[in-house]
PDB file of N, CA and C in Angstrom:
ATOM      1  N   MET A   1       0.904  -1.240   0.014  1.00  0.00           N
ATOM      2  CA  MET A   1      -0.027  -0.041  -0.018  1.00  0.00           C
ATOM      3  C   MET A   1       0.878   1.265   0.085  1.00  0.00           C
ATOM      4  N   ILE A   2       0.487   2.326  -0.720  1.00  0.00           N
ATOM      5  CA  ILE A   2       1.177   3.569  -0.854  1.00  0.00           C
ATOM      6  C   ILE A   2       0.771   4.400   0.263  1.00  0.00           C
ATOM      7  N   GLU A   3       1.646   4.856   1.145  1.00  0.00           N
ATOM      8  CA  GLU A   3       1.328   5.787   2.203  1.00  0.00           C
ATOM      9  C   GLU A   3       1.666   7.253   1.577  1.00  0.00           C
ATOM     10  N   THR A   4       0.732   8.089   1.827  1.00  0.00           N
ATOM     11  CA  THR A   4       0.883   9.528   1.497  1.00  0.00           C
ATOM     12  C   THR A   4       0.837  10.400   2.714  1.00  0.00           C
ATOM     13  N   ASP A   5       1.484  11.524   2.617  1.00  0.00           N
ATOM     14  CA  ASP A   5       1.445  12.439   3.844  1.00  0.00           C
ATOM     15  C   ASP A   5       0.181  13.117   3.712  1.00  0.00           C
ATOM     16  N   THR A   6      -0.688  13.052   4.688  1.00  0.00           N
ATOM     17  CA  THR A   6      -1.966  13.747   4.611  1.00  0.00           C
ATOM     18  C   THR A   6      -2.016  14.824   5.669  1.00  0.00           C
ATOM     19  N   ALA A   7      -0.910  15.234   6.223  1.00  0.00           N
ATOM     20  CA  ALA A   7      -0.998  16.400   7.128  1.00  0.00           C
ATOM     21  C   ALA A   7      -1.568  17.626   6.576  1.00  0.00           C
ATOM     22  N   ASP A   8      -1.077  17.948   5.392  1.00  0.00           N
ATOM     23  CA  ASP A   8      -1.596  19.293   4.764  1.00  0.00           C
ATOM     24  C   ASP A   8      -3.083  19.139   4.577  1.00  0.00           C
ATOM     25  N   PHE A   9      -3.540  17.920   3.995  1.00  0.00           N
ATOM     26  CA  PHE A   9      -4.927  17.796   3.641  1.00  0.00           C
ATOM     27  C   PHE A   9      -5.698  17.824   4.999  1.00  0.00           C
ATOM     28  N   GLU A  10      -5.284  17.152   6.098  1.00  0.00           N
ATOM     29  CA  GLU A  10      -6.035  17.262   7.323  1.00  0.00           C
ATOM     30  C   GLU A  10      -6.096  18.616   7.970  1.00  0.00           C
ATOM     31  N   LYS A  11      -5.116  19.414   7.737  1.00  0.00           N
ATOM     32  CA  LYS A  11      -5.093  20.876   8.277  1.00  0.00           C
ATOM     33  C   LYS A  11      -6.059  21.627   7.512  1.00  0.00           C
ATOM     34  N   GLU A  12      -6.019  21.532   6.166  1.00  0.00           N
ATOM     35  CA  GLU A  12      -7.089  22.240   5.300  1.00  0.00           C
ATOM     36  C   GLU A  12      -8.483  21.800   5.599  1.00  0.00           C
ATOM     37  N   LEU A  13      -8.654  20.572   5.795  1.00  0.00           N
ATOM     38  CA  LEU A  13      -9.914  19.932   6.161  1.00  0.00           C
ATOM     39  C   LEU A  13     -10.464  20.537   7.523  1.00  0.00           C
ATOM     40  N   GLU A  14      -9.537  20.699   8.432  1.00  0.00           N
ATOM     41  CA  GLU A  14      -9.823  21.285   9.726  1.00  0.00           C
ATOM     42  C   GLU A  14     -10.366  22.675   9.527  1.00  0.00           C
ATOM     43  N   HIS A  15      -9.610  23.509   8.756  1.00  0.00           N
ATOM     44  CA  HIS A  15     -10.041  24.941   8.450  1.00  0.00           C
ATOM     45  C   HIS A  15     -11.430  24.894   7.759  1.00  0.00           C
ATOM     46  N   LEU A  16     -11.602  23.955   6.871  1.00  0.00           N
ATOM     47  CA  LEU A  16     -12.829  24.024   6.169  1.00  0.00           C
ATOM     48  C   LEU A  16     -14.055  23.681   7.092  1.00  0.00           C
ATOM     49  N   ILE A  17     -13.836  22.674   7.978  1.00  0.00           N
ATOM     50  CA  ILE A  17     -14.821  22.365   8.973  1.00  0.00           C
ATOM     51  C   ILE A  17     -15.203  23.483   9.732  1.00  0.00           C
ATOM     52  N   ASN A  18     -14.143  24.243  10.282  1.00  0.00           N
ATOM     53  CA  ASN A  18     -14.254  25.411  11.072  1.00  0.00           C
ATOM     54  C   ASN A  18     -15.027  26.515  10.314  1.00  0.00           C
ATOM     55  N   LYS A  19     -14.629  26.742   9.107  1.00  0.00           N
ATOM     56  CA  LYS A  19     -15.176  27.834   8.245  1.00  0.00           C
ATOM     57  C   LYS A  19     -16.747  27.603   8.083  1.00  0.00           C
ATOM     58  N   HIS A  20     -17.084  26.393   8.000  1.00  0.00           N
ATOM     59  CA  HIS A  20     -18.519  26.109   7.846  1.00  0.00           C
ATOM     60  C   HIS A  20     -19.332  25.759   9.104  1.00  0.00           C
ATOM     61  N   CYS A  21     -18.566  25.916  10.276  1.00  0.00           N
ATOM     62  CA  CYS A  21     -19.132  25.630  11.628  1.00  0.00           C
ATOM     63  C   CYS A  21     -19.641  24.312  11.803  1.00  0.00           C
ATOM     64  N   ILE A  22     -19.031  23.284  11.116  1.00  0.00           N
ATOM     65  CA  ILE A  22     -19.521  21.893  11.281  1.00  0.00           C
ATOM     66  C   ILE A  22     -19.240  21.417  12.738  1.00  0.00           C
ATOM     67  N   GLU A  23     -18.291  21.893  13.309  1.00  0.00           N
ATOM     68  CA  GLU A  23     -17.913  21.440  14.669  1.00  0.00           C
ATOM     69  C   GLU A  23     -19.075  21.826  15.704  1.00  0.00           C
ATOM     70  N   ASN A  24     -19.760  22.853  15.383  1.00  0.00           N
ATOM     71  CA  ASN A  24     -20.968  23.238  16.210  1.00  0.00           C
ATOM     72  C   ASN A  24     -22.037  22.251  16.114  1.00  0.00           C
ATOM     73  N   MET A  25     -22.276  21.716  14.864  1.00  0.00           N
ATOM     74  CA  MET A  25     -23.402  20.748  14.652  1.00  0.00           C
ATOM     75  C   MET A  25     -23.093  19.512  15.499  1.00  0.00           C
ATOM     76  N   LEU A  26     -21.888  19.077  15.504  1.00  0.00           N
ATOM     77  CA  LEU A  26     -21.439  17.827  16.141  1.00  0.00           C
ATOM     78  C   LEU A  26     -20.996  17.959  17.533  1.00  0.00           C
ATOM     79  N   ASP A  27     -20.858  19.180  18.013  1.00  0.00           N
ATOM     80  CA  ASP A  27     -20.342  19.419  19.336  1.00  0.00           C
ATOM     81  C   ASP A  27     -18.973  18.651  19.566  1.00  0.00           C
ATOM     82  N   MET A  28     -18.068  18.814  18.597  1.00  0.00           N
ATOM     83  CA  MET A  28     -16.790  18.263  18.552  1.00  0.00           C
ATOM     84  C   MET A  28     -15.790  19.141  17.892  1.00  0.00           C
ATOM     85  N   PRO A  29     -14.555  19.245  18.401  1.00  0.00           N
ATOM     86  CA  PRO A  29     -13.575  20.151  17.848  1.00  0.00           C
ATOM     87  C   PRO A  29     -13.316  19.794  16.446  1.00  0.00           C
ATOM     88  N   ASP A  30     -13.056  20.847  15.681  1.00  0.00           N
ATOM     89  CA  ASP A  30     -12.766  20.688  14.244  1.00  0.00           C
ATOM     90  C   ASP A  30     -11.586  19.783  13.911  1.00  0.00           C
ATOM     91  N   PHE A  31     -10.551  19.780  14.765  1.00  0.00           N
ATOM     92  CA  PHE A  31      -9.343  18.973  14.514  1.00  0.00           C
ATOM     93  C   PHE A  31      -9.645  17.557  14.769  1.00  0.00           C
ATOM     94  N   ILE A  32     -10.549  17.248  15.634  1.00  0.00           N
ATOM     95  CA  ILE A  32     -10.952  15.818  15.911  1.00  0.00           C
ATOM     96  C   ILE A  32     -11.757  15.282  14.671  1.00  0.00           C
ATOM     97  N   ILE A  33     -12.691  16.008  14.185  1.00  0.00           N
ATOM     98  CA  ILE A  33     -13.433  15.715  13.003  1.00  0.00           C
ATOM     99  C   ILE A  33     -12.590  15.496  11.872  1.00  0.00           C
ATOM    100  N   ALA A  34     -11.643  16.362  11.589  1.00  0.00           N
ATOM    101  CA  ALA A  34     -10.741  16.144  10.510  1.00  0.00           C
ATOM    102  C   ALA A  34      -9.865  14.973  10.648  1.00  0.00           C
ATOM    103  N   GLU A  35      -9.348  14.657  11.790  1.00  0.00           N
ATOM    104  CA  GLU A  35      -8.564  13.467  12.058  1.00  0.00           C
ATOM    105  C   GLU A  35      -9.398  12.215  11.918  1.00  0.00           C
ATOM    106  N   MET A  36     -10.635  12.272  12.286  1.00  0.00           N
ATOM    107  CA  MET A  36     -11.560  11.113  12.095  1.00  0.00           C
ATOM    108  C   MET A  36     -11.817  10.830  10.709  1.00  0.00           C
ATOM    109  N   ILE A  37     -11.949  11.889   9.802  1.00  0.00           N
ATOM    110  CA  ILE A  37     -12.341  11.658   8.334  1.00  0.00           C
ATOM    111  C   ILE A  37     -11.028  11.082   7.662  1.00  0.00           C
ATOM    112  N   VAL A  38      -9.824  11.598   8.133  1.00  0.00           N
ATOM    113  CA  VAL A  38      -8.632  11.016   7.412  1.00  0.00           C
ATOM    114  C   VAL A  38      -8.441   9.585   7.792  1.00  0.00           C
ATOM    115  N   LYS A  39      -8.678   9.217   9.060  1.00  0.00           N
ATOM    116  CA  LYS A  39      -8.541   7.911   9.455  1.00  0.00           C
ATOM    117  C   LYS A  39      -9.528   6.935   8.827  1.00  0.00           C
ATOM    118  N   PHE A  40     -10.785   7.482   8.569  1.00  0.00           N
ATOM    119  CA  PHE A  40     -11.797   6.782   7.896  1.00  0.00           C
ATOM    120  C   PHE A  40     -11.358   6.403   6.485  1.00  0.00           C
ATOM    121  N   LEU A  41     -10.849   7.431   5.853  1.00  0.00           N
ATOM    122  CA  LEU A  41     -10.390   7.313   4.414  1.00  0.00           C
ATOM    123  C   LEU A  41      -9.266   6.253   4.283  1.00  0.00           C
ATOM    124  N   ARG A  42      -8.384   6.281   5.312  1.00  0.00           N
ATOM    125  CA  ARG A  42      -7.283   5.270   5.291  1.00  0.00           C
ATOM    126  C   ARG A  42      -7.844   3.875   5.598  1.00  0.00           C
ATOM    127  N   ALA A  43      -8.812   3.851   6.407  1.00  0.00           N
ATOM    128  CA  ALA A  43      -9.406   2.488   6.767  1.00  0.00           C
ATOM    129  C   ALA A  43     -10.129   1.829   5.607  1.00  0.00           C
ATOM    130  N   VAL A  44     -10.945   2.677   4.888  1.00  0.00           N
ATOM    131  CA  VAL A  44     -11.863   2.047   3.853  1.00  0.00           C
ATOM    132  C   VAL A  44     -11.195   2.029   2.470  1.00  0.00           C
ATOM    133  N   GLY A  45     -10.204   2.749   2.369  1.00  0.00           N
ATOM    134  CA  GLY A  45      -9.539   2.872   1.018  1.00  0.00           C
ATOM    135  C   GLY A  45      -9.118   1.495   0.415  1.00  0.00           C
ATOM    136  N   PRO A  46      -8.375   0.681   1.138  1.00  0.00           N
ATOM    137  CA  PRO A  46      -8.062  -0.621   0.508  1.00  0.00           C
ATOM    138  C   PRO A  46      -9.208  -1.558   0.186  1.00  0.00           C
ATOM    139  N   SER A  47     -10.255  -1.487   1.062  1.00  0.00           N
ATOM    140  CA  SER A  47     -11.380  -2.357   0.797  1.00  0.00           C
ATOM    141  C   SER A  47     -12.126  -1.859  -0.432  1.00  0.00           C
ATOM    142  N   VAL A  48     -12.270  -0.571  -0.534  1.00  0.00           N
ATOM    143  CA  VAL A  48     -12.908  -0.089  -1.715  1.00  0.00           C
ATOM    144  C   VAL A  48     -12.340  -0.494  -3.017  1.00  0.00           C
ATOM    145  N   LYS A  49     -10.840  -0.391  -3.050  1.00  0.00           N
ATOM    146  CA  LYS A  49     -10.118  -0.752  -4.143  1.00  0.00           C
ATOM    147  C   LYS A  49     -10.216  -2.258  -4.476  1.00  0.00           C
ATOM    148  N   LYS A  50     -10.177  -3.048  -3.408  1.00  0.00           N
ATOM    149  CA  LYS A  50     -10.318  -4.479  -3.584  1.00  0.00           C
ATOM    150  C   LYS A  50     -11.715  -4.846  -4.125  1.00  0.00           C
ATOM    151  N   ASN A  51     -12.782  -4.109  -3.807  1.00  0.00           N
ATOM    152  CA  ASN A  51     -14.099  -4.368  -4.197  1.00  0.00           C
ATOM    153  C   ASN A  51     -14.230  -3.981  -5.699  1.00  0.00           C
ATOM    154  N   LEU A  52     -13.706  -2.789  -6.077  1.00  0.00           N
ATOM    155  CA  LEU A  52     -13.722  -2.358  -7.441  1.00  0.00           C
ATOM    156  C   LEU A  52     -12.983  -3.384  -8.363  1.00  0.00           C
ATOM    157  N   ASP A  53     -11.750  -3.845  -7.855  1.00  0.00           N
ATOM    158  CA  ASP A  53     -11.071  -4.777  -8.622  1.00  0.00           C
ATOM    159  C   ASP A  53     -11.812  -6.075  -8.750  1.00  0.00           C
ATOM    160  N   TRP A  54     -12.400  -6.600  -7.722  1.00  0.00           N
ATOM    161  CA  TRP A  54     -13.325  -7.803  -7.809  1.00  0.00           C
ATOM    162  C   TRP A  54     -14.304  -7.682  -8.903  1.00  0.00           C
ATOM    163  N   HIS A  55     -15.058  -6.503  -8.905  1.00  0.00           N
ATOM    164  CA  HIS A  55     -16.127  -6.272  -9.745  1.00  0.00           C
ATOM    165  C   HIS A  55     -15.618  -5.946 -11.226  1.00  0.00           C
ATOM    166  N   GLY A  56     -14.320  -5.642 -11.291  1.00  0.00           N
ATOM    167  CA  GLY A  56     -13.814  -5.180 -12.650  1.00  0.00           C
ATOM    168  C   GLY A  56     -14.315  -3.802 -12.955  1.00  0.00           C
ATOM    169  N   CYS A  57     -14.604  -2.954 -11.984  1.00  0.00           N
ATOM    170  CA  CYS A  57     -15.171  -1.653 -12.268  1.00  0.00           C
ATOM    171  C   CYS A  57     -14.064  -0.659 -12.727  1.00  0.00           C
ATOM    172  N   ASP A  58     -14.513   0.344 -13.389  1.00  0.00           N
ATOM    173  CA  ASP A  58     -13.552   1.407 -13.759  1.00  0.00           C
ATOM    174  C   ASP A  58     -13.086   2.197 -12.509  1.00  0.00           C
ATOM    175  N   SER A  59     -11.902   2.477 -12.510  1.00  0.00           N
ATOM    176  CA  SER A  59     -11.187   3.402 -11.556  1.00  0.00           C
ATOM    177  C   SER A  59      -9.920   3.694 -12.045  1.00  0.00           C
ATOM    178  N   VAL A  60      -9.210   4.773 -11.531  1.00  0.00           N
ATOM    179  CA  VAL A  60      -7.957   5.064 -11.986  1.00  0.00           C
ATOM    180  C   VAL A  60      -6.939   4.085 -11.769  1.00  0.00           C
ATOM    181  N   CYS A  61      -6.936   3.322 -10.650  1.00  0.00           N
ATOM    182  CA  CYS A  61      -6.043   2.291 -10.343  1.00  0.00           C
ATOM    183  C   CYS A  61      -6.399   0.934 -10.964  1.00  0.00           C
ATOM    184  N   HIS A  62      -7.719   0.695 -11.075  1.00  0.00           N
ATOM    185  CA  HIS A  62      -8.273  -0.615 -11.480  1.00  0.00           C
ATOM    186  C   HIS A  62      -9.170  -0.385 -12.793  1.00  0.00           C
ATOM    187  N   PRO A  63      -8.526  -0.358 -14.011  1.00  0.00           N
ATOM    188  CA  PRO A  63      -9.294  -0.089 -15.251  1.00  0.00           C
ATOM    189  C   PRO A  63     -10.176  -1.443 -15.394  1.00  0.00           C
ATOM    190  N   ARG A  64     -11.256  -1.229 -16.144  1.00  0.00           N
ATOM    191  CA  ARG A  64     -12.178  -2.342 -16.367  1.00  0.00           C
ATOM    192  C   ARG A  64     -11.451  -3.427 -17.145  1.00  0.00           C
ATOM    193  N   ARG A  65     -11.704  -4.601 -16.646  1.00  0.00           N
ATOM    194  CA  ARG A  65     -11.266  -5.835 -17.308  1.00  0.00           C
ATOM    195  C   ARG A  65     -12.135  -6.233 -18.401  1.00  0.00           C
ATOM    196  N   GLU A  66     -11.512  -6.637 -19.542  1.00  0.00           N
ATOM    197  CA  GLU A  66     -12.292  -7.154 -20.597  1.00  0.00           C
ATOM    198  C   GLU A  66     -13.045  -8.455 -20.243  1.00  0.00           C
ATOM    199  N   PRO A  67     -14.301  -8.575 -20.398  1.00  0.00           N
ATOM    200  CA  PRO A  67     -14.975  -9.713 -20.051  1.00  0.00           C
ATOM    201  C   PRO A  67     -14.567 -10.997 -20.885  1.00  0.00           C
ATOM    202  N   GLU A  68     -14.438 -12.068 -20.269  1.00  0.00           N
ATOM    203  CA  GLU A  68     -14.072 -13.289 -20.954  1.00  0.00           C
ATOM    204  C   GLU A  68     -15.267 -13.781 -21.717  1.00  0.00           C
ATOM    205  N   ILE A  69     -15.069 -14.017 -23.052  1.00  0.00           N
ATOM    206  CA  ILE A  69     -16.044 -14.442 -23.873  1.00  0.00           C
ATOM    207  C   ILE A  69     -15.964 -15.963 -24.026  1.00  0.00           C
ATOM    208  N   ILE A  70     -17.122 -16.698 -23.723  1.00  0.00           N
ATOM    209  CA  ILE A  70     -17.098 -18.082 -23.811  1.00  0.00           C
ATOM    210  C   ILE A  70     -17.998 -18.457 -24.957  1.00  0.00           C
ATOM    211  N   ASP A  71     -17.356 -19.149 -25.963  1.00  0.00           N
ATOM    212  CA  ASP A  71     -18.236 -19.603 -27.098  1.00  0.00           C
ATOM    213  C   ASP A  71     -18.390 -21.152 -26.906  1.00  0.00           C
ATOM    214  N   ASN A  72     -19.555 -21.570 -26.552  1.00  0.00           N
ATOM    215  CA  ASN A  72     -19.884 -22.961 -26.407  1.00  0.00           C
ATOM    216  C   ASN A  72     -19.824 -23.741 -27.602  1.00  0.00           C
ATOM    217  N   ASP A  73     -19.778 -23.224 -28.793  1.00  0.00           N
ATOM    218  CA  ASP A  73     -19.749 -23.914 -30.026  1.00  0.00           C
ATOM    219  C   ASP A  73     -18.326 -24.396 -30.434  1.00  0.00           C
ATOM    220  N   GLN A  74     -17.394 -23.763 -29.744  1.00  0.00           N
ATOM    221  CA  GLN A  74     -15.970 -24.004 -30.124  1.00  0.00           C
ATOM    222  C   GLN A  74     -15.434 -25.099 -29.277  1.00  0.00           C
ATOM    223  N   PRO A  75     -14.560 -26.030 -29.786  1.00  0.00           N
ATOM    224  CA  PRO A  75     -13.996 -27.084 -28.878  1.00  0.00           C
ATOM    225  C   PRO A  75     -13.038 -26.401 -27.897  1.00  0.00           C
ATOM    226  N   THR A  76     -13.027 -27.079 -26.653  1.00  0.00           N
ATOM    227  CA  THR A  76     -12.273 -26.473 -25.616  1.00  0.00           C
ATOM    228  C   THR A  76     -10.758 -26.842 -25.807  1.00  0.00           C
ATOM    229  N   LYS A  77      -9.919 -25.982 -25.272  1.00  0.00           N
ATOM    230  CA  LYS A  77      -8.439 -26.246 -25.434  1.00  0.00           C
ATOM    231  C   LYS A  77      -8.067 -27.098 -24.193  1.00  0.00           C
ATOM    232  N   GLU A  78      -7.316 -28.131 -24.464  1.00  0.00           N
ATOM    233  CA  GLU A  78      -6.904 -29.042 -23.332  1.00  0.00           C
ATOM    234  C   GLU A  78      -5.480 -29.323 -23.421  1.00  0.00           C
TER     235      GLU A  78
END
């Protein structure tokens, strides 16, 4: 897994939460909300990517796989 430094993102998120007074709605400090969101993204990211890969869905890291075409009229390779 690739680790990225999210300190700048977390700080900007903290300011954005504060700017929109989100901390007042949750009665929780903005820096705790920002930290919680970053931890959530780190926790679910690998599972989301694994699910996309399993489904063969389009994403930047997991392009769509070509479906395997099975022709029942052709002899099988053995």
